[in-house]
Amino acid sequence: MLSKETTLISIGDFVDVYQKLKQKGLAKFLSLFHLQASKRVSGKWDNYQAASDFWIIPELQAYWNQKISGNSAVEYEEYVAKKYLSEPKGLKILSIGCGEGVHERNFAKHLKNSEIIGVDLSEKRIQIATEKAKDEQLHIRYFAEDFRKLDLLKGSFDVVLFSSSLHHFTFLSRFLKEDIRPLLKNKGYVVVYEYCGPNRLQWKNRQLQQANVLLKQLPKSYKMFLDGSTIKKKVYRPGLLRMLLVDPSEAPDSSNLRNAIHQNFEIVEEKMLGWNILHILLKGIAHNFLDSTNQTKEWLHFLIQREEEFVLKTKETDAIFGVYQKMER
């Protein structure tokens, strides 16, 4: 039986499908669907484009940098490299679910003598990552594969990195215990920048209520979808059926992510990033907030404040940055 905060099919599913059809066309949209779950996952990320997701907004990127490093211009890779990985010896780093490789490249620029390996299921994204590393003359090895199928030496890594990838795995506590801890050296680090909200993105009612209150306050020009003619009128909880059809790996155990990490590693530092409201409010309309006008900045600051108030009141966060350490038990 479904809970009151779980939706099987929602109106938002039809809105989302309509927008994707307009952006990508029928043929490309249908190419996302495969009978085999693993192919649906890789197919989604082969075709993924962050055209209007909230993390593309520079003002929000600077805000998260400030929360993590204390400096809006310092990204977390530089912060971690200088604070925790400053030893002159070469380090060995594994990035799981690396996508197009931006995080490995950022680490490589600050850790010159390190061996960095990036792994992702999407062949297309690995190809892009490989080309960009080559263009920037960075020695990073990339593999389009499930990392568990690679011949990785146990106890050999100084750092394992998850950037918006850990929440795609199931049974997280067991996964971290059986698949990640063995790869790390003693006192090795796990670095995460992760979604840790409701499983399968089944937003809580109070999240939806607050997001919709704020959506009504936004000027029309900030509520336009990418097609330039359709207005976002309501924030919906995505339907479970669509979630499983498009990407069965999406957030199966995300609400347990923090506990799973704490059960397997010592906390070195952990920071709440929020995302409870901005993530769902700005989905599909984030491109309207890319300019640097005073009006846009004022609206973003207003929305950030409302989210901070929500996090403070509920003591919940849908995203964390954390550095954790393997200690022999």
C-alpha atoms as a PDB file:
ATOM      1  CA  MET A   1       0.000   0.000   0.000  1.00  0.00           C
ATOM      2  CA  LEU A   2       1.343   3.417  -0.978  1.00  0.00           C
ATOM      3  CA  SER A   3       1.893   6.010   1.745  1.00  0.00           C
ATOM      4  CA  LYS A   4       0.295   9.445   1.608  1.00  0.00           C
ATOM      5  CA  GLU A   5       3.650  10.842   0.499  1.00  0.00           C
ATOM      6  CA  THR A   6       4.091   8.438  -2.411  1.00  0.00           C
ATOM      7  CA  THR A   7       2.648   8.908  -5.906  1.00  0.00           C
ATOM      8  CA  LEU A   8       2.286   6.179  -8.519  1.00  0.00           C
ATOM      9  CA  ILE A   9       1.406   8.477 -11.444  1.00  0.00           C
ATOM     10  CA  SER A  10       1.256  12.275 -11.265  1.00  0.00           C
ATOM     11  CA  ILE A  11       0.146  15.129 -13.479  1.00  0.00           C
ATOM     12  CA  GLY A  12       3.758  16.270 -13.357  1.00  0.00           C
ATOM     13  CA  ASP A  13       4.751  13.118 -15.246  1.00  0.00           C
ATOM     14  CA  PHE A  14       2.669  14.198 -18.227  1.00  0.00           C
ATOM     15  CA  VAL A  15       4.017  17.758 -18.054  1.00  0.00           C
ATOM     16  CA  ASP A  16       7.575  16.405 -17.979  1.00  0.00           C
ATOM     17  CA  VAL A  17       6.985  13.999 -20.870  1.00  0.00           C
ATOM     18  CA  TYR A  18       5.433  16.801 -22.931  1.00  0.00           C
ATOM     19  CA  GLN A  19       8.432  19.074 -22.331  1.00  0.00           C
ATOM     20  CA  LYS A  20      10.929  16.317 -23.166  1.00  0.00           C
ATOM     21  CA  LEU A  21       9.084  15.495 -26.393  1.00  0.00           C
ATOM     22  CA  LYS A  22       9.262  19.158 -27.420  1.00  0.00           C
ATOM     23  CA  GLN A  23      12.984  19.357 -26.601  1.00  0.00           C
ATOM     24  CA  LYS A  24      14.205  16.003 -27.926  1.00  0.00           C
ATOM     25  CA  GLY A  25      11.616  14.694 -30.360  1.00  0.00           C
ATOM     26  CA  LEU A  26       9.826  11.354 -30.248  1.00  0.00           C
ATOM     27  CA  ALA A  27      12.647   9.153 -31.569  1.00  0.00           C
ATOM     28  CA  LYS A  28      15.218  10.317 -29.021  1.00  0.00           C
ATOM     29  CA  PHE A  29      12.655  10.190 -26.224  1.00  0.00           C
ATOM     30  CA  LEU A  30      11.707   6.585 -27.028  1.00  0.00           C
ATOM     31  CA  SER A  31      15.387   5.615 -27.148  1.00  0.00           C
ATOM     32  CA  LEU A  32      15.475   6.053 -23.364  1.00  0.00           C
ATOM     33  CA  PHE A  33      13.307   2.989 -22.812  1.00  0.00           C
ATOM     34  CA  HIS A  34      14.866  -0.470 -22.663  1.00  0.00           C
ATOM     35  CA  LEU A  35      13.628  -3.775 -21.279  1.00  0.00           C
ATOM     36  CA  GLN A  36      16.895  -4.255 -19.407  1.00  0.00           C
ATOM     37  CA  ALA A  37      17.187  -2.030 -16.320  1.00  0.00           C
ATOM     38  CA  SER A  38      20.947  -1.468 -16.683  1.00  0.00           C
ATOM     39  CA  LYS A  39      20.448  -0.244 -20.250  1.00  0.00           C
ATOM     40  CA  ARG A  40      17.743   2.168 -19.085  1.00  0.00           C
ATOM     41  CA  VAL A  41      20.232   3.603 -16.608  1.00  0.00           C
ATOM     42  CA  SER A  42      23.099   3.995 -19.102  1.00  0.00           C
ATOM     43  CA  GLY A  43      20.647   5.168 -21.784  1.00  0.00           C
ATOM     44  CA  LYS A  44      19.364   7.940 -19.576  1.00  0.00           C
ATOM     45  CA  TRP A  45      22.859   9.237 -18.836  1.00  0.00           C
ATOM     46  CA  ASP A  46      24.001   8.870 -22.452  1.00  0.00           C
ATOM     47  CA  ASN A  47      21.214  11.295 -23.385  1.00  0.00           C
ATOM     48  CA  TYR A  48      21.283  13.498 -20.298  1.00  0.00           C
ATOM     49  CA  GLN A  49      21.493  17.275 -20.708  1.00  0.00           C
ATOM     50  CA  ALA A  50      21.443  19.628 -17.724  1.00  0.00           C
ATOM     51  CA  ALA A  51      19.637  22.319 -19.686  1.00  0.00           C
ATOM     52  CA  SER A  52      17.425  23.504 -16.850  1.00  0.00           C
ATOM     53  CA  ASP A  53      18.437  21.841 -13.595  1.00  0.00           C
ATOM     54  CA  PHE A  54      19.078  24.089 -10.630  1.00  0.00           C
ATOM     55  CA  TRP A  55      22.770  23.174 -10.280  1.00  0.00           C
ATOM     56  CA  ILE A  56      23.576  25.046 -13.519  1.00  0.00           C
ATOM     57  CA  ILE A  57      22.852  28.402 -11.818  1.00  0.00           C
ATOM     58  CA  PRO A  58      26.164  30.202 -11.017  1.00  0.00           C
ATOM     59  CA  GLU A  59      24.671  32.024  -8.027  1.00  0.00           C
ATOM     60  CA  LEU A  60      23.696  28.713  -6.428  1.00  0.00           C
ATOM     61  CA  GLN A  61      27.078  27.164  -7.205  1.00  0.00           C
ATOM     62  CA  ALA A  62      28.734  30.078  -5.391  1.00  0.00           C
ATOM     63  CA  TYR A  63      26.306  29.663  -2.480  1.00  0.00           C
ATOM     64  CA  TRP A  64      27.160  25.966  -2.072  1.00  0.00           C
ATOM     65  CA  ASN A  65      30.892  26.733  -2.383  1.00  0.00           C
ATOM     66  CA  GLN A  66      30.506  29.216   0.474  1.00  0.00           C
ATOM     67  CA  LYS A  67      28.743  26.654   2.655  1.00  0.00           C
ATOM     68  CA  ILE A  68      31.435  24.040   2.009  1.00  0.00           C
ATOM     69  CA  SER A  69      34.733  25.916   1.788  1.00  0.00           C
ATOM     70  CA  GLY A  70      33.871  29.283   3.306  1.00  0.00           C
ATOM     71  CA  ASN A  71      34.723  30.958   0.004  1.00  0.00           C
ATOM     72  CA  SER A  72      32.215  31.340  -2.840  1.00  0.00           C
ATOM     73  CA  ALA A  73      35.029  31.063  -5.399  1.00  0.00           C
ATOM     74  CA  VAL A  74      36.573  27.858  -3.992  1.00  0.00           C
ATOM     75  CA  GLU A  75      35.002  24.604  -5.191  1.00  0.00           C
ATOM     76  CA  TYR A  76      34.966  21.552  -2.970  1.00  0.00           C
ATOM     77  CA  GLU A  77      37.704  19.726  -4.901  1.00  0.00           C
ATOM     78  CA  GLU A  78      40.214  22.505  -4.214  1.00  0.00           C
ATOM     79  CA  TYR A  79      39.040  22.727  -0.608  1.00  0.00           C
ATOM     80  CA  VAL A  80      39.451  18.971   0.001  1.00  0.00           C
ATOM     81  CA  ALA A  81      42.766  18.783  -1.851  1.00  0.00           C
ATOM     82  CA  LYS A  82      44.342  21.586   0.188  1.00  0.00           C
ATOM     83  CA  LYS A  83      42.859  20.631   3.569  1.00  0.00           C
ATOM     84  CA  TYR A  84      43.137  16.839   3.529  1.00  0.00           C
ATOM     85  CA  LEU A  85      45.327  15.749   0.622  1.00  0.00           C
ATOM     86  CA  SER A  86      48.266  18.135   0.759  1.00  0.00           C
ATOM     87  CA  GLU A  87      50.976  15.475   1.204  1.00  0.00           C
ATOM     88  CA  PRO A  88      53.575  15.654  -1.603  1.00  0.00           C
ATOM     89  CA  LYS A  89      53.409  11.919  -2.337  1.00  0.00           C
ATOM     90  CA  GLY A  90      51.153  10.786  -5.148  1.00  0.00           C
ATOM     91  CA  LEU A  91      47.685   9.685  -4.113  1.00  0.00           C
ATOM     92  CA  LYS A  92      45.356   7.158  -5.676  1.00  0.00           C
ATOM     93  CA  ILE A  93      41.784   8.374  -6.214  1.00  0.00           C
ATOM     94  CA  LEU A  94      38.726   6.505  -7.493  1.00  0.00           C
ATOM     95  CA  SER A  95      35.709   8.483  -8.730  1.00  0.00           C
ATOM     96  CA  ILE A  96      32.567   6.349  -9.028  1.00  0.00           C
ATOM     97  CA  GLY A  97      29.817   7.597 -11.341  1.00  0.00           C
ATOM     98  CA  CYS A  98      32.133  10.261 -12.700  1.00  0.00           C
ATOM     99  CA  GLY A  99      29.965  11.455 -15.599  1.00  0.00           C
ATOM    100  CA  GLU A 100      31.876  13.810 -17.889  1.00  0.00           C
ATOM    101  CA  GLY A 101      34.811  14.029 -15.509  1.00  0.00           C
ATOM    102  CA  VAL A 102      34.701  17.581 -14.173  1.00  0.00           C
ATOM    103  CA  HIS A 103      35.469  16.551 -10.580  1.00  0.00           C
ATOM    104  CA  GLU A 104      38.463  14.387 -11.502  1.00  0.00           C
ATOM    105  CA  ARG A 105      39.851  17.218 -13.618  1.00  0.00           C
ATOM    106  CA  ASN A 106      39.430  19.637 -10.726  1.00  0.00           C
ATOM    107  CA  PHE A 107      41.245  17.277  -8.359  1.00  0.00           C
ATOM    108  CA  ALA A 108      43.988  16.595 -10.912  1.00  0.00           C
ATOM    109  CA  LYS A 109      44.786  20.309 -11.158  1.00  0.00           C
ATOM    110  CA  HIS A 110      45.535  20.420  -7.413  1.00  0.00           C
ATOM    111  CA  LEU A 111      47.057  16.942  -6.992  1.00  0.00           C
ATOM    112  CA  LYS A 112      49.698  16.841  -9.701  1.00  0.00           C
ATOM    113  CA  ASN A 113      51.331  13.502  -8.895  1.00  0.00           C
ATOM    114  CA  SER A 114      48.181  11.526  -8.191  1.00  0.00           C
ATOM    115  CA  GLU A 115      46.721   8.537 -10.006  1.00  0.00           C
ATOM    116  CA  ILE A 116      43.054   9.239 -10.718  1.00  0.00           C
ATOM    117  CA  ILE A 117      40.541   6.742 -12.073  1.00  0.00           C
ATOM    118  CA  GLY A 118      37.022   7.679 -13.184  1.00  0.00           C
ATOM    119  CA  VAL A 119      34.290   5.095 -13.778  1.00  0.00           C
ATOM    120  CA  ASP A 120      30.799   5.525 -15.220  1.00  0.00           C
ATOM    121  CA  LEU A 121      28.189   3.321 -16.917  1.00  0.00           C
ATOM    122  CA  SER A 122      27.667   5.792 -19.764  1.00  0.00           C
ATOM    123  CA  GLU A 123      30.064   5.199 -22.664  1.00  0.00           C
ATOM    124  CA  LYS A 124      29.167   8.565 -24.168  1.00  0.00           C
ATOM    125  CA  ARG A 125      30.015  10.479 -21.004  1.00  0.00           C
ATOM    126  CA  ILE A 126      33.254   8.554 -20.504  1.00  0.00           C
ATOM    127  CA  GLN A 127      34.263   9.440 -24.060  1.00  0.00           C
ATOM    128  CA  ILE A 128      33.638  13.121 -23.310  1.00  0.00           C
ATOM    129  CA  ALA A 129      35.558  12.877 -20.014  1.00  0.00           C
ATOM    130  CA  THR A 130      38.523  11.234 -21.746  1.00  0.00           C
ATOM    131  CA  GLU A 131      38.641  13.881 -24.469  1.00  0.00           C
ATOM    132  CA  LYS A 132      38.429  16.775 -22.012  1.00  0.00           C
ATOM    133  CA  ALA A 133      41.198  15.353 -19.825  1.00  0.00           C
ATOM    134  CA  LYS A 134      43.377  14.954 -22.917  1.00  0.00           C
ATOM    135  CA  ASP A 135      42.611  18.523 -24.034  1.00  0.00           C
ATOM    136  CA  GLU A 136      43.688  19.804 -20.609  1.00  0.00           C
ATOM    137  CA  GLN A 137      46.762  17.522 -20.606  1.00  0.00           C
ATOM    138  CA  LEU A 138      45.642  15.745 -17.439  1.00  0.00           C
ATOM    139  CA  HIS A 139      46.542  12.101 -16.898  1.00  0.00           C
ATOM    140  CA  ILE A 140      43.253  10.513 -15.785  1.00  0.00           C
ATOM    141  CA  ARG A 141      42.157   6.986 -16.640  1.00  0.00           C
ATOM    142  CA  TYR A 142      38.495   6.459 -17.482  1.00  0.00           C
ATOM    143  CA  PHE A 143      36.426   3.287 -17.790  1.00  0.00           C
ATOM    144  CA  ALA A 144      32.864   2.821 -19.082  1.00  0.00           C
ATOM    145  CA  GLU A 145      31.964  -0.007 -16.734  1.00  0.00           C
ATOM    146  CA  ASP A 146      30.474  -1.023 -13.407  1.00  0.00           C
ATOM    147  CA  PHE A 147      33.458  -0.428 -11.111  1.00  0.00           C
ATOM    148  CA  ARG A 148      32.792  -3.751  -9.378  1.00  0.00           C
ATOM    149  CA  LYS A 149      33.765  -5.531 -12.590  1.00  0.00           C
ATOM    150  CA  LEU A 150      37.178  -3.870 -12.750  1.00  0.00           C
ATOM    151  CA  ASP A 151      40.283  -5.461 -11.304  1.00  0.00           C
ATOM    152  CA  LEU A 152      40.829  -2.871  -8.567  1.00  0.00           C
ATOM    153  CA  LEU A 153      43.392  -3.715  -5.916  1.00  0.00           C
ATOM    154  CA  LYS A 154      41.891  -3.817  -2.426  1.00  0.00           C
ATOM    155  CA  GLY A 155      43.349  -1.464   0.139  1.00  0.00           C
ATOM    156  CA  SER A 156      45.009   0.643  -2.555  1.00  0.00           C
ATOM    157  CA  PHE A 157      42.961   3.863  -2.699  1.00  0.00           C
ATOM    158  CA  ASP A 158      43.524   7.002  -0.655  1.00  0.00           C
ATOM    159  CA  VAL A 159      40.210   8.543  -1.718  1.00  0.00           C
ATOM    160  CA  VAL A 160      36.910   7.312  -3.112  1.00  0.00           C
ATOM    161  CA  LEU A 161      34.756  10.092  -4.533  1.00  0.00           C
ATOM    162  CA  PHE A 162      30.993  10.174  -5.001  1.00  0.00           C
ATOM    163  CA  SER A 163      29.518  13.279  -6.612  1.00  0.00           C
ATOM    164  CA  SER A 164      25.771  12.786  -7.094  1.00  0.00           C
ATOM    165  CA  SER A 165      26.337   9.079  -7.709  1.00  0.00           C
ATOM    166  CA  LEU A 166      26.192   7.283  -4.350  1.00  0.00           C
ATOM    167  CA  HIS A 167      22.424   7.762  -4.096  1.00  0.00           C
ATOM    168  CA  HIS A 168      22.010   5.598  -7.216  1.00  0.00           C
ATOM    169  CA  PHE A 169      23.089   2.440  -5.389  1.00  0.00           C
ATOM    170  CA  THR A 170      20.826   0.054  -3.465  1.00  0.00           C
ATOM    171  CA  PHE A 171      21.231  -1.211   0.107  1.00  0.00           C
ATOM    172  CA  LEU A 172      23.736   1.521   0.842  1.00  0.00           C
ATOM    173  CA  SER A 173      25.069   0.321   4.178  1.00  0.00           C
ATOM    174  CA  ARG A 174      25.928  -3.091   2.761  1.00  0.00           C
ATOM    175  CA  PHE A 175      27.288  -1.509  -0.433  1.00  0.00           C
ATOM    176  CA  LEU A 176      29.670   0.736   1.497  1.00  0.00           C
ATOM    177  CA  LYS A 177      30.753  -2.087   3.785  1.00  0.00           C
ATOM    178  CA  GLU A 178      31.311  -4.728   1.101  1.00  0.00           C
ATOM    179  CA  ASP A 179      32.266  -2.724  -2.002  1.00  0.00           C
ATOM    180  CA  ILE A 180      33.867   0.536  -0.802  1.00  0.00           C
ATOM    181  CA  ARG A 181      35.619  -0.044   2.540  1.00  0.00           C
ATOM    182  CA  PRO A 182      37.765  -2.877   1.117  1.00  0.00           C
ATOM    183  CA  LEU A 183      39.107  -0.591  -1.643  1.00  0.00           C
ATOM    184  CA  LEU A 184      40.381   2.044   0.782  1.00  0.00           C
ATOM    185  CA  LYS A 185      43.630   2.147   2.669  1.00  0.00           C
ATOM    186  CA  ASN A 186      43.320   2.498   6.423  1.00  0.00           C
ATOM    187  CA  LYS A 187      42.613   6.188   7.130  1.00  0.00           C
ATOM    188  CA  GLY A 188      41.582   6.618   3.494  1.00  0.00           C
ATOM    189  CA  TYR A 189      38.823   9.128   2.744  1.00  0.00           C
ATOM    190  CA  VAL A 190      35.368   8.938   1.251  1.00  0.00           C
ATOM    191  CA  VAL A 191      34.302  12.317  -0.162  1.00  0.00           C
ATOM    192  CA  VAL A 192      30.643  12.811  -1.005  1.00  0.00           C
ATOM    193  CA  TYR A 193      28.587  15.584  -2.579  1.00  0.00           C
ATOM    194  CA  GLU A 194      25.213  13.902  -2.577  1.00  0.00           C
ATOM    195  CA  TYR A 195      21.458  13.904  -2.665  1.00  0.00           C
ATOM    196  CA  CYS A 196      20.141  12.282   0.522  1.00  0.00           C
ATOM    197  CA  GLY A 197      16.439  13.155   0.368  1.00  0.00           C
ATOM    198  CA  PRO A 198      13.340  10.964   0.028  1.00  0.00           C
ATOM    199  CA  ASN A 199      13.662   7.658  -1.813  1.00  0.00           C
ATOM    200  CA  ARG A 200      12.661   7.788  -5.489  1.00  0.00           C
ATOM    201  CA  LEU A 201      12.257  11.590  -5.183  1.00  0.00           C
ATOM    202  CA  GLN A 202       8.946  11.138  -3.383  1.00  0.00           C
ATOM    203  CA  TRP A 203       8.868  14.650  -1.977  1.00  0.00           C
ATOM    204  CA  LYS A 204       7.298  15.229   1.400  1.00  0.00           C
ATOM    205  CA  ASN A 205       4.029  17.127   1.522  1.00  0.00           C
ATOM    206  CA  ARG A 206       5.562  20.047   3.423  1.00  0.00           C
ATOM    207  CA  GLN A 207       8.251  20.385   0.733  1.00  0.00           C
ATOM    208  CA  LEU A 208       5.671  20.510  -2.026  1.00  0.00           C
ATOM    209  CA  GLN A 209       3.546  22.982  -0.112  1.00  0.00           C
ATOM    210  CA  GLN A 210       6.433  25.398   0.470  1.00  0.00           C
ATOM    211  CA  ALA A 211       7.727  25.069  -3.104  1.00  0.00           C
ATOM    212  CA  ASN A 212       4.291  25.839  -4.527  1.00  0.00           C
ATOM    213  CA  VAL A 213       3.872  28.867  -2.266  1.00  0.00           C
ATOM    214  CA  LEU A 214       7.142  30.246  -3.644  1.00  0.00           C
ATOM    215  CA  LEU A 215       6.308  29.319  -7.242  1.00  0.00           C
ATOM    216  CA  LYS A 216       3.180  31.482  -7.060  1.00  0.00           C
ATOM    217  CA  GLN A 217       5.282  34.444  -5.954  1.00  0.00           C
ATOM    218  CA  LEU A 218       7.694  34.265  -8.889  1.00  0.00           C
ATOM    219  CA  PRO A 219       7.146  36.627 -11.830  1.00  0.00           C
ATOM    220  CA  LYS A 220       5.882  34.959 -15.001  1.00  0.00           C
ATOM    221  CA  SER A 221       9.213  35.460 -16.773  1.00  0.00           C
ATOM    222  CA  TYR A 222      10.936  33.195 -14.238  1.00  0.00           C
ATOM    223  CA  LYS A 223       8.389  30.394 -14.615  1.00  0.00           C
ATOM    224  CA  MET A 224       8.777  29.682 -18.337  1.00  0.00           C
ATOM    225  CA  PHE A 225       9.839  26.214 -19.465  1.00  0.00           C
ATOM    226  CA  LEU A 226      12.552  25.870 -22.113  1.00  0.00           C
ATOM    227  CA  ASP A 227       9.986  25.935 -24.920  1.00  0.00           C
ATOM    228  CA  GLY A 228       9.419  29.613 -24.104  1.00  0.00           C
ATOM    229  CA  SER A 229       5.642  29.299 -24.216  1.00  0.00           C
ATOM    230  CA  THR A 230       4.623  27.036 -21.321  1.00  0.00           C
ATOM    231  CA  ILE A 231       4.481  28.282 -17.737  1.00  0.00           C
ATOM    232  CA  LYS A 232       5.292  26.088 -14.746  1.00  0.00           C
ATOM    233  CA  LYS A 233       2.117  26.259 -12.689  1.00  0.00           C
ATOM    234  CA  LYS A 234       2.723  23.669  -9.988  1.00  0.00           C
ATOM    235  CA  VAL A 235       5.423  21.514  -8.403  1.00  0.00           C
ATOM    236  CA  TYR A 236       4.493  17.830  -8.403  1.00  0.00           C
ATOM    237  CA  ARG A 237       5.893  14.689  -6.865  1.00  0.00           C
ATOM    238  CA  PRO A 238       7.173  12.431  -9.692  1.00  0.00           C
ATOM    239  CA  GLY A 239       5.291   9.184 -10.219  1.00  0.00           C
ATOM    240  CA  LEU A 240       7.001   5.966  -9.184  1.00  0.00           C
ATOM    241  CA  LEU A 241       6.134   4.266 -12.465  1.00  0.00           C
ATOM    242  CA  ARG A 242       7.938   6.898 -14.542  1.00  0.00           C
ATOM    243  CA  MET A 243      10.903   6.838 -12.168  1.00  0.00           C
ATOM    244  CA  LEU A 244      11.307   3.091 -12.595  1.00  0.00           C
ATOM    245  CA  LEU A 245      10.751   3.196 -16.343  1.00  0.00           C
ATOM    246  CA  VAL A 246      13.252   5.955 -17.086  1.00  0.00           C
ATOM    247  CA  ASP A 247      15.954   5.343 -14.464  1.00  0.00           C
ATOM    248  CA  PRO A 248      15.463   2.453 -12.014  1.00  0.00           C
ATOM    249  CA  SER A 249      18.701   3.467 -10.281  1.00  0.00           C
ATOM    250  CA  GLU A 250      17.346   6.844  -9.151  1.00  0.00           C
ATOM    251  CA  ALA A 251      17.477   7.193  -5.356  1.00  0.00           C
ATOM    252  CA  PRO A 252      16.411   3.676  -4.267  1.00  0.00           C
ATOM    253  CA  ASP A 253      17.859   4.095  -0.747  1.00  0.00           C
ATOM    254  CA  SER A 254      18.754   7.796  -0.624  1.00  0.00           C
ATOM    255  CA  SER A 255      16.946   8.560   2.638  1.00  0.00           C
ATOM    256  CA  ASN A 256      19.322   6.104   4.339  1.00  0.00           C
ATOM    257  CA  LEU A 257      22.467   7.567   2.757  1.00  0.00           C
ATOM    258  CA  ARG A 258      23.749   9.533   5.759  1.00  0.00           C
ATOM    259  CA  ASN A 259      23.131   6.718   8.221  1.00  0.00           C
ATOM    260  CA  ALA A 260      24.813   4.237   5.888  1.00  0.00           C
ATOM    261  CA  ILE A 261      27.934   6.399   5.691  1.00  0.00           C
ATOM    262  CA  HIS A 262      27.990   6.930   9.467  1.00  0.00           C
ATOM    263  CA  GLN A 263      27.726   3.182  10.047  1.00  0.00           C
ATOM    264  CA  ASN A 264      30.813   2.497   7.947  1.00  0.00           C
ATOM    265  CA  PHE A 265      33.084   5.528   8.290  1.00  0.00           C
ATOM    266  CA  GLU A 266      34.165   8.126  10.819  1.00  0.00           C
ATOM    267  CA  ILE A 267      32.838  11.641  10.212  1.00  0.00           C
ATOM    268  CA  VAL A 268      35.627  14.114   9.508  1.00  0.00           C
ATOM    269  CA  GLU A 269      33.246  16.857   8.443  1.00  0.00           C
ATOM    270  CA  GLU A 270      29.696  17.016   7.153  1.00  0.00           C
ATOM    271  CA  LYS A 271      27.686  20.005   5.954  1.00  0.00           C
ATOM    272  CA  MET A 272      24.002  20.336   5.157  1.00  0.00           C
ATOM    273  CA  LEU A 273      23.458  21.845   1.703  1.00  0.00           C
ATOM    274  CA  GLY A 274      19.655  21.994   1.711  1.00  0.00           C
ATOM    275  CA  TRP A 275      18.113  21.409  -1.733  1.00  0.00           C
ATOM    276  CA  ASN A 276      14.766  20.615  -0.051  1.00  0.00           C
ATOM    277  CA  ILE A 277      13.010  23.464  -1.870  1.00  0.00           C
ATOM    278  CA  LEU A 278      15.280  24.834  -4.606  1.00  0.00           C
ATOM    279  CA  HIS A 279      15.717  21.429  -6.268  1.00  0.00           C
ATOM    280  CA  ILE A 280      12.026  20.872  -6.920  1.00  0.00           C
ATOM    281  CA  LEU A 281      10.999  24.509  -7.316  1.00  0.00           C
ATOM    282  CA  LEU A 282      13.549  25.301 -10.043  1.00  0.00           C
ATOM    283  CA  LYS A 283      13.327  22.023 -11.965  1.00  0.00           C
ATOM    284  CA  GLY A 284      12.565  22.880 -15.592  1.00  0.00           C
ATOM    285  CA  ILE A 285      12.828  26.648 -15.091  1.00  0.00           C
ATOM    286  CA  ALA A 286      16.415  27.077 -13.841  1.00  0.00           C
ATOM    287  CA  HIS A 287      17.548  28.536 -17.185  1.00  0.00           C
ATOM    288  CA  ASN A 288      15.571  31.679 -16.330  1.00  0.00           C
ATOM    289  CA  PHE A 289      17.993  32.404 -13.462  1.00  0.00           C
ATOM    290  CA  LEU A 290      21.268  32.360 -15.395  1.00  0.00           C
ATOM    291  CA  ASP A 291      21.624  36.099 -15.972  1.00  0.00           C
ATOM    292  CA  SER A 292      23.429  38.313 -13.470  1.00  0.00           C
ATOM    293  CA  THR A 293      20.873  41.111 -13.219  1.00  0.00           C
ATOM    294  CA  ASN A 294      20.064  42.563  -9.810  1.00  0.00           C
ATOM    295  CA  GLN A 295      16.473  41.344 -10.093  1.00  0.00           C
ATOM    296  CA  THR A 296      17.543  37.737 -10.661  1.00  0.00           C
ATOM    297  CA  LYS A 297      20.067  37.891  -7.819  1.00  0.00           C
ATOM    298  CA  GLU A 298      17.431  39.323  -5.479  1.00  0.00           C
ATOM    299  CA  TRP A 299      14.991  36.540  -6.331  1.00  0.00           C
ATOM    300  CA  LEU A 300      17.646  33.878  -5.830  1.00  0.00           C
ATOM    301  CA  HIS A 301      18.677  35.329  -2.476  1.00  0.00           C
ATOM    302  CA  PHE A 302      15.015  35.402  -1.457  1.00  0.00           C
ATOM    303  CA  LEU A 303      14.559  31.738  -2.444  1.00  0.00           C
ATOM    304  CA  ILE A 304      17.786  30.714  -0.700  1.00  0.00           C
ATOM    305  CA  GLN A 305      16.591  32.399   2.496  1.00  0.00           C
ATOM    306  CA  ARG A 306      13.257  30.576   2.346  1.00  0.00           C
ATOM    307  CA  GLU A 307      15.038  27.247   1.923  1.00  0.00           C
ATOM    308  CA  GLU A 308      17.405  27.985   4.804  1.00  0.00           C
ATOM    309  CA  GLU A 309      14.405  28.760   7.011  1.00  0.00           C
ATOM    310  CA  PHE A 310      12.786  25.485   5.940  1.00  0.00           C
ATOM    311  CA  VAL A 311      15.929  23.467   6.735  1.00  0.00           C
ATOM    312  CA  LEU A 312      16.310  25.196  10.103  1.00  0.00           C
ATOM    313  CA  LYS A 313      12.684  24.514  11.004  1.00  0.00           C
ATOM    314  CA  THR A 314      12.516  20.892   9.852  1.00  0.00           C
ATOM    315  CA  LYS A 315      16.149  19.990  10.685  1.00  0.00           C
ATOM    316  CA  GLU A 316      16.181  18.091   7.391  1.00  0.00           C
ATOM    317  CA  THR A 317      18.476  18.353   4.383  1.00  0.00           C
ATOM    318  CA  ASP A 318      18.134  16.766   0.964  1.00  0.00           C
ATOM    319  CA  ALA A 319      21.848  17.107   0.193  1.00  0.00           C
ATOM    320  CA  ILE A 320      25.142  16.896   2.030  1.00  0.00           C
ATOM    321  CA  PHE A 321      28.819  17.484   1.500  1.00  0.00           C
ATOM    322  CA  GLY A 322      30.997  15.261   3.633  1.00  0.00           C
ATOM    323  CA  VAL A 323      34.478  13.939   4.213  1.00  0.00           C
ATOM    324  CA  TYR A 324      34.663  10.597   5.998  1.00  0.00           C
ATOM    325  CA  GLN A 325      37.506   8.298   6.973  1.00  0.00           C
ATOM    326  CA  LYS A 326      38.068   4.570   7.123  1.00  0.00           C
ATOM    327  CA  MET A 327      39.366   3.535  10.526  1.00  0.00           C
ATOM    328  CA  GLU A 328      40.153  -0.103  11.234  1.00  0.00           C
ATOM    329  CA  ARG A 329      37.696  -1.507  13.748  1.00  0.00           C
END
